[in-house]
């Protein structure tokens, strides 16, 4: 198992350079309310030499597949072939409120989207007969999707964010890796089973597939103190939109924390975000993050590796701390991985 770092846009270059020095395999740039992924990755590509780069993840509703392919090809060329394209359908309310996009048939949409991206990366004009992304939409073929980026990498890896069983199977079938979040070792083991089923459907095995859950990470001698630094992050993600349509809330409910989700949203509706964050049970944060001293985190890392994780994302963006604090997190995480390998 290797490590990845989930960047924040402020200080992204310093974080990526330090992660590269420490031997991290990949740096991921999230896309959300604060920053887009390609801008951060372009900056980081210019400041690093070896570490792989990935969008973690670019929003499918926010870009046409042609623009996603062009962005991927450009970042891959600028980084010397280090880019991996992470994609996700986002939350329904974000798709609607941010992009004015519908959220029907997400599996079919994702399949068509990836088909077009891969066709574009192979070079040559692209036409696609599909329900969701017909190209060209008008039927006229005078200016088809056609990438001229040099060099084009037709086997550029595509990763998918996925939660439910059918989404996981689709990721296994059509992608090269899976990006997860809010997940425990037990849920990773279940996810790997669904991913393997999708791989088998495509006649493929898991040997080349990257299982990459991203975990909020915080270090302190007292695990509860470490967890407190992550509360605002959890409240933010769980508080997006309607809890009935929020994927993160759904995952918390599946883990047995339905009451905690309801209480958090009650307090958010009352306008008290601090109380909402404070209401989250330590047990929920602990089950889905890396918290505590280095040796405790090392033990948890070993559990994730045994569950089938190939790359473990250290989400420094989750910790309520400074750039220096985030640099310390990735350094301690590297030490924890070393200790976990020694058993």
Protein backbone atom coordinates (compact mmCIF):
# COMPACT_ATOMS: atom_id res chain seq x y z
CA UNK A 1 0.00 0.00 0.00
CA UNK A 2 1.24 3.48 -0.91
CA UNK A 3 0.15 6.94 0.20
CA UNK A 4 -1.57 9.79 -1.60
CA UNK A 5 -2.11 13.34 -0.39
CA UNK A 6 -5.34 15.28 -0.90
CA UNK A 7 -4.27 18.87 -1.42
CA UNK A 8 -5.79 22.21 -0.50
CA UNK A 9 -5.41 25.03 -3.00
CA UNK A 10 -3.54 27.33 -0.58
CA UNK A 11 -0.06 25.93 -0.14
CA UNK A 12 -0.71 23.15 -2.67
CA UNK A 13 2.76 23.44 -4.16
CA UNK A 14 4.53 23.16 -0.81
CA UNK A 15 2.38 20.21 0.21
CA UNK A 16 2.96 18.37 -3.06
CA UNK A 17 6.71 18.97 -2.99
CA UNK A 18 6.97 17.64 0.56
CA UNK A 19 4.79 14.63 -0.28
CA UNK A 20 7.06 13.91 -3.26
CA UNK A 21 10.13 14.12 -1.01
CA UNK A 22 8.52 11.71 1.45
CA UNK A 23 7.78 9.17 -1.26
CA UNK A 24 4.04 9.67 -1.66
CA UNK A 25 2.73 8.04 -4.83
CA UNK A 26 0.11 10.59 -5.87
CA UNK A 27 -1.26 14.06 -5.14
CA UNK A 28 -4.99 14.64 -5.60
CA UNK A 29 -6.75 17.96 -5.99
CA UNK A 30 -10.39 18.03 -4.89
CA UNK A 31 -13.04 20.17 -6.55
CA UNK A 32 -15.66 21.88 -4.45
CA UNK A 33 -16.81 25.17 -3.04
CA UNK A 34 -13.27 26.59 -2.67
CA UNK A 35 -11.32 25.58 -5.76
CA UNK A 36 -11.39 23.68 -9.02
CA UNK A 37 -9.05 20.75 -9.61
CA UNK A 38 -7.29 21.63 -12.91
CA UNK A 39 -6.00 25.02 -11.72
CA UNK A 40 -4.42 23.49 -8.62
CA UNK A 41 -2.95 20.58 -10.59
CA UNK A 42 -1.44 22.85 -13.24
CA UNK A 43 0.31 24.77 -10.47
CA UNK A 44 1.53 21.58 -8.80
CA UNK A 45 2.69 20.04 -12.10
CA UNK A 46 5.13 22.93 -12.55
CA UNK A 47 6.59 22.48 -9.05
CA UNK A 48 7.04 18.69 -8.92
CA UNK A 49 8.86 16.07 -10.97
CA UNK A 50 7.85 12.52 -10.03
CA UNK A 51 4.66 12.35 -8.01
CA UNK A 52 1.54 11.31 -9.94
CA UNK A 53 -1.28 13.87 -10.13
CA UNK A 54 -5.02 13.27 -10.08
CA UNK A 55 -8.28 15.17 -9.98
CA UNK A 56 -10.03 13.96 -6.88
CA UNK A 57 -12.57 14.45 -8.42
CA UNK A 58 -13.59 16.60 -11.39
CA UNK A 59 -17.36 17.04 -11.45
CA UNK A 60 -19.11 15.29 -14.34
CA UNK A 61 -22.07 17.74 -14.31
CA UNK A 62 -19.67 20.69 -14.52
CA UNK A 63 -17.97 19.79 -17.82
CA UNK A 64 -18.82 18.24 -21.12
CA UNK A 65 -16.89 15.03 -21.74
CA UNK A 66 -14.99 16.75 -24.54
CA UNK A 67 -13.74 19.47 -22.19
CA UNK A 68 -12.84 16.87 -19.58
CA UNK A 69 -10.77 15.00 -22.18
CA UNK A 70 -9.03 18.20 -23.29
CA UNK A 71 -8.25 19.15 -19.68
CA UNK A 72 -6.90 15.68 -18.95
CA UNK A 73 -4.73 15.65 -22.07
CA UNK A 74 -3.35 19.11 -21.31
CA UNK A 75 -2.47 18.29 -17.68
CA UNK A 76 -0.95 15.00 -18.75
CA UNK A 77 1.25 16.71 -21.34
CA UNK A 78 2.32 19.52 -18.98
CA UNK A 79 3.18 17.03 -16.22
CA UNK A 80 5.14 14.66 -18.44
CA UNK A 81 2.56 11.85 -18.36
CA UNK A 82 1.78 11.95 -14.63
CA UNK A 83 -1.92 12.77 -14.71
CA UNK A 84 -4.84 10.51 -13.76
CA UNK A 85 -8.40 11.64 -14.43
CA UNK A 86 -10.67 11.26 -11.41
CA UNK A 87 -14.37 11.80 -12.15
CA UNK A 88 -17.54 11.83 -10.06
CA UNK A 89 -21.22 12.62 -10.54
CA UNK A 90 -21.33 14.88 -7.44
CA UNK A 91 -24.36 15.22 -5.16
CA UNK A 92 -27.77 15.78 -6.79
CA UNK A 93 -28.28 19.17 -5.12
CA UNK A 94 -24.82 20.37 -6.20
CA UNK A 95 -25.44 19.24 -9.78
CA UNK A 96 -28.65 21.26 -9.73
CA UNK A 97 -27.57 24.34 -7.77
CA UNK A 98 -24.08 24.79 -9.20
CA UNK A 99 -24.34 23.52 -12.74
CA UNK A 100 -28.04 23.56 -13.56
CA UNK A 101 -27.64 19.93 -14.55
CA UNK A 102 -30.06 17.05 -14.20
CA UNK A 103 -29.13 14.00 -12.15
CA UNK A 104 -31.17 11.29 -13.79
CA UNK A 105 -29.58 7.95 -14.75
CA UNK A 106 -26.13 8.63 -13.23
CA UNK A 107 -24.79 5.19 -14.17
CA UNK A 108 -25.69 5.55 -17.85
CA UNK A 109 -24.40 9.11 -17.90
CA UNK A 110 -21.08 8.06 -16.38
CA UNK A 111 -20.65 5.19 -18.82
CA UNK A 112 -21.23 7.45 -21.85
CA UNK A 113 -19.00 10.17 -20.41
CA UNK A 114 -16.05 7.81 -19.92
CA UNK A 115 -16.56 6.28 -23.38
CA UNK A 116 -16.28 9.72 -25.00
CA UNK A 117 -13.25 10.73 -22.90
CA UNK A 118 -11.41 7.53 -23.80
CA UNK A 119 -12.30 7.90 -27.50
CA UNK A 120 -11.00 11.46 -27.52
CA UNK A 121 -7.74 10.44 -25.84
CA UNK A 122 -7.16 7.85 -28.57
CA UNK A 123 -7.00 10.69 -31.10
CA UNK A 124 -9.01 11.22 -34.24
CA UNK A 125 -12.50 12.71 -34.65
CA UNK A 126 -15.10 11.50 -32.16
CA UNK A 127 -18.74 10.80 -32.88
CA UNK A 128 -20.96 9.24 -30.23
CA UNK A 129 -24.48 7.94 -30.49
CA UNK A 130 -25.84 8.15 -26.96
CA UNK A 131 -28.87 9.18 -24.96
CA UNK A 132 -27.09 11.68 -22.73
CA UNK A 133 -24.10 12.98 -24.71
CA UNK A 134 -24.78 12.66 -28.44
CA UNK A 135 -21.89 14.01 -30.51
CA UNK A 136 -22.45 15.96 -32.59
CA UNK A 137 -25.81 16.89 -31.10
CA UNK A 138 -27.01 18.52 -34.32
CA UNK A 139 -25.90 15.67 -36.56
CA UNK A 140 -23.56 17.96 -38.49
CA UNK A 141 -19.97 16.71 -38.59
CA UNK A 142 -18.04 19.77 -39.77
CA UNK A 143 -16.28 20.37 -36.42
CA UNK A 144 -16.14 17.11 -34.43
CA UNK A 145 -14.48 16.62 -31.06
CA UNK A 146 -10.83 16.06 -31.96
CA UNK A 147 -7.84 16.52 -29.63
CA UNK A 148 -4.56 17.77 -31.04
CA UNK A 149 -2.71 17.84 -27.72
CA UNK A 150 0.80 16.37 -27.95
CA UNK A 151 1.52 13.75 -26.85
CA UNK A 152 -1.82 12.03 -26.39
CA UNK A 153 -1.87 9.06 -24.01
CA UNK A 154 -4.73 6.72 -24.98
CA UNK A 155 -4.27 4.65 -21.82
CA UNK A 156 -4.41 7.66 -19.47
CA UNK A 157 -5.88 6.19 -16.25
CA UNK A 158 -9.47 7.07 -15.36
CA UNK A 159 -10.65 6.82 -11.75
CA UNK A 160 -14.26 6.99 -10.62
CA UNK A 161 -15.70 8.06 -7.29
CA UNK A 162 -18.44 5.61 -6.35
CA UNK A 163 -20.56 4.70 -3.34
CA UNK A 164 -23.35 2.20 -4.05
CA UNK A 165 -22.92 -1.39 -5.27
CA UNK A 166 -23.91 -0.66 -8.88
CA UNK A 167 -21.65 2.40 -9.04
CA UNK A 168 -18.78 0.36 -7.64
CA UNK A 169 -19.33 -2.40 -10.17
CA UNK A 170 -19.36 0.19 -12.97
CA UNK A 171 -16.09 1.63 -11.68
CA UNK A 172 -14.55 -1.82 -11.72
CA UNK A 173 -15.79 -2.43 -15.25
CA UNK A 174 -14.84 0.80 -17.02
CA UNK A 175 -12.23 2.55 -14.86
CA UNK A 176 -8.65 2.01 -13.72
CA UNK A 177 -9.18 3.00 -10.11
CA UNK A 178 -11.73 3.85 -7.42
CA UNK A 179 -11.72 6.95 -5.22
CA UNK A 180 -13.63 6.48 -1.97
CA UNK A 181 -14.39 8.65 1.04
CA UNK A 182 -15.99 8.26 4.48
CA UNK A 183 -15.18 4.58 4.59
CA UNK A 184 -14.04 2.03 7.14
CA UNK A 185 -11.84 -1.02 6.51
CA UNK A 186 -14.93 -3.21 6.62
CA UNK A 187 -16.69 -1.11 4.00
CA UNK A 188 -13.56 -1.11 1.84
CA UNK A 189 -13.60 -4.90 1.89
CA UNK A 190 -17.23 -4.86 0.72
CA UNK A 191 -16.42 -2.26 -1.95
CA UNK A 192 -13.54 -4.36 -3.26
CA UNK A 193 -15.96 -7.24 -3.77
CA UNK A 194 -18.20 -5.07 -5.95
CA UNK A 195 -15.22 -3.63 -7.82
CA UNK A 196 -13.93 -7.15 -8.51
CA UNK A 197 -17.35 -8.15 -9.84
CA UNK A 198 -17.20 -5.26 -12.32
CA UNK A 199 -13.67 -6.18 -13.32
CA UNK A 200 -14.73 -9.77 -13.95
CA UNK A 201 -17.59 -8.56 -16.15
CA UNK A 202 -14.97 -6.81 -18.30
CA UNK A 203 -12.71 -9.88 -18.28
CA UNK A 204 -10.18 -8.15 -16.02
CA UNK A 205 -8.60 -8.81 -12.63
CA UNK A 206 -7.81 -6.54 -9.70
CA UNK A 207 -4.03 -6.70 -10.11
CA UNK A 208 -3.81 -3.40 -12.04
CA UNK A 209 -6.74 -1.64 -10.36
CA UNK A 210 -6.07 1.12 -7.81
CA UNK A 211 -8.26 1.08 -4.67
CA UNK A 212 -7.87 4.61 -3.29
CA UNK A 213 -10.01 5.70 -0.35
CA UNK A 214 -9.30 9.21 0.94
CA UNK A 215 -9.44 9.61 4.71
CA UNK A 216 -9.56 12.69 6.90
CA UNK A 217 -6.39 12.53 9.00
CA UNK A 218 -5.38 14.22 12.25
CA UNK A 219 -2.66 13.43 14.79
CA UNK A 220 -2.74 13.94 18.56
CA UNK A 221 -1.92 11.77 21.55
CA UNK A 222 -5.61 11.76 22.48
CA UNK A 223 -7.71 10.39 19.55
CA UNK A 224 -10.69 12.50 20.62
CA UNK A 225 -8.60 15.65 20.43
CA UNK A 226 -7.44 14.60 16.97
CA UNK A 227 -11.04 13.98 15.91
CA UNK A 228 -12.10 17.46 17.09
CA UNK A 229 -9.86 19.00 14.39
CA UNK A 230 -11.96 17.19 11.76
CA UNK A 231 -15.44 18.13 12.98
CA UNK A 232 -15.93 21.17 10.74
CA UNK A 233 -14.97 19.06 7.70
CA UNK A 234 -17.51 16.38 8.57
CA UNK A 235 -20.24 18.93 9.26
CA UNK A 236 -19.55 20.63 5.93
CA UNK A 237 -19.82 17.46 3.83
CA UNK A 238 -22.79 16.03 5.73
CA UNK A 239 -24.53 19.41 5.57
CA UNK A 240 -24.57 19.80 1.77
CA UNK A 241 -28.14 19.98 0.48
CA UNK A 242 -31.00 17.71 1.50
CA UNK A 243 -29.84 14.85 3.76
CA UNK A 244 -32.12 12.49 1.84
CA UNK A 245 -30.06 13.13 -1.32
CA UNK A 246 -26.63 13.72 0.24
CA UNK A 247 -24.33 10.76 -0.51
CA UNK A 248 -22.26 11.37 2.62
CA UNK A 249 -25.36 11.29 4.79
CA UNK A 250 -26.39 8.06 3.12
CA UNK A 251 -23.02 6.53 3.93
CA UNK A 252 -23.28 7.65 7.57
CA UNK A 253 -26.74 6.08 7.80
CA UNK A 254 -25.43 2.81 6.38
CA UNK A 255 -22.75 2.83 9.07
CA UNK A 256 -25.46 3.06 11.73
CA UNK A 257 -25.37 6.81 12.47
CA UNK A 258 -28.83 7.82 11.25
CA UNK A 259 -29.63 9.62 14.53
CA UNK A 260 -26.38 11.59 14.31
CA UNK A 261 -27.23 12.79 10.78
CA UNK A 262 -30.71 13.89 11.90
CA UNK A 263 -29.31 15.77 14.91
CA UNK A 264 -26.65 17.49 12.83
CA UNK A 265 -29.24 18.76 10.34
CA UNK A 266 -31.56 19.89 13.14
CA UNK A 267 -28.77 22.07 14.48
CA UNK A 268 -27.82 23.33 11.05
CA UNK A 269 -31.41 24.38 10.43
CA UNK A 270 -31.29 26.25 13.74
CA UNK A 271 -28.27 28.16 12.45
CA UNK A 272 -25.74 26.70 14.89
CA UNK A 273 -22.97 25.12 12.77
CA UNK A 274 -20.58 24.81 15.72
CA UNK A 275 -23.14 22.82 17.71
CA UNK A 276 -23.85 20.69 14.66
CA UNK A 277 -20.18 19.78 14.34
CA UNK A 278 -19.88 19.12 18.06
CA UNK A 279 -22.89 16.77 17.98
CA UNK A 280 -21.19 14.21 15.75
CA UNK A 281 -20.23 11.07 17.69
CA UNK A 282 -16.53 10.39 18.06
CA UNK A 283 -17.26 6.80 17.02
CA UNK A 284 -18.43 7.93 13.57
CA UNK A 285 -15.39 10.10 12.95
CA UNK A 286 -13.07 7.40 14.27
CA UNK A 287 -14.61 4.73 12.01
CA UNK A 288 -14.04 6.75 8.85
CA UNK A 289 -10.77 8.62 9.46
CA UNK A 290 -7.23 8.29 10.76
CA UNK A 291 -6.97 9.91 14.22
CA UNK A 292 -4.68 9.61 17.20
CA UNK A 293 -0.95 9.10 17.77
CA UNK A 294 1.32 7.69 15.07
CA UNK A 295 1.21 4.10 16.35
CA UNK A 296 -2.60 4.06 16.46
CA UNK A 297 -2.78 5.42 12.91
CA UNK A 298 -0.21 2.82 11.82
CA UNK A 299 -2.45 0.05 13.14
CA UNK A 300 -5.42 1.50 11.25
CA UNK A 301 -3.35 1.72 8.07
CA UNK A 302 -2.56 -1.97 8.36
CA UNK A 303 -6.31 -2.67 8.61
CA UNK A 304 -6.97 -0.74 5.40
CA UNK A 305 -4.13 -2.49 3.58
CA UNK A 306 -5.51 -5.87 4.64
CA UNK A 307 -8.94 -4.82 3.33
CA UNK A 308 -7.53 -4.32 -0.17
CA UNK A 309 -6.45 -0.67 -0.29
CA UNK A 310 -3.58 -0.07 -2.73
CA UNK A 311 -3.24 3.70 -2.21
CA UNK A 312 -4.41 5.45 0.96
CA UNK A 313 -5.29 9.11 0.51
CA UNK A 314 -4.27 11.37 3.40
CA UNK A 315 -6.86 14.16 3.37
CA UNK A 316 -4.99 17.08 4.90
CA UNK A 317 -7.77 19.36 3.67
CA UNK A 318 -9.97 18.02 6.48
CA UNK A 319 -7.84 19.17 9.40
CA UNK A 320 -8.51 22.58 10.95
CA UNK A 321 -4.86 23.65 10.91
CA UNK A 322 -2.22 25.74 9.14
CA UNK A 323 0.09 24.89 6.25
CA UNK A 324 2.74 23.93 8.80
CA UNK A 325 0.20 21.69 10.50
CA UNK A 326 -0.68 19.99 7.21
CA UNK A 327 2.98 19.45 6.41
CA UNK A 328 3.29 17.80 9.82
CA UNK A 329 0.30 15.57 9.04
CA UNK A 330 1.82 14.18 5.85
CA UNK A 331 5.15 13.65 7.60
CA UNK A 332 3.54 11.73 10.46
CA UNK A 333 1.42 9.74 8.02
CA UNK A 334 4.57 8.66 6.16
CA UNK A 335 6.07 7.55 9.48
CA UNK A 336 2.86 5.67 10.35
CA UNK A 337 2.95 3.83 7.01
CA UNK A 338 6.55 2.80 7.62
CA UNK A 339 5.60 1.44 11.06
CA UNK A 340 2.57 -0.36 9.69
CA UNK A 341 4.76 -2.16 7.15
CA UNK A 342 7.07 -3.31 9.94
CA UNK A 343 4.05 -4.79 11.72
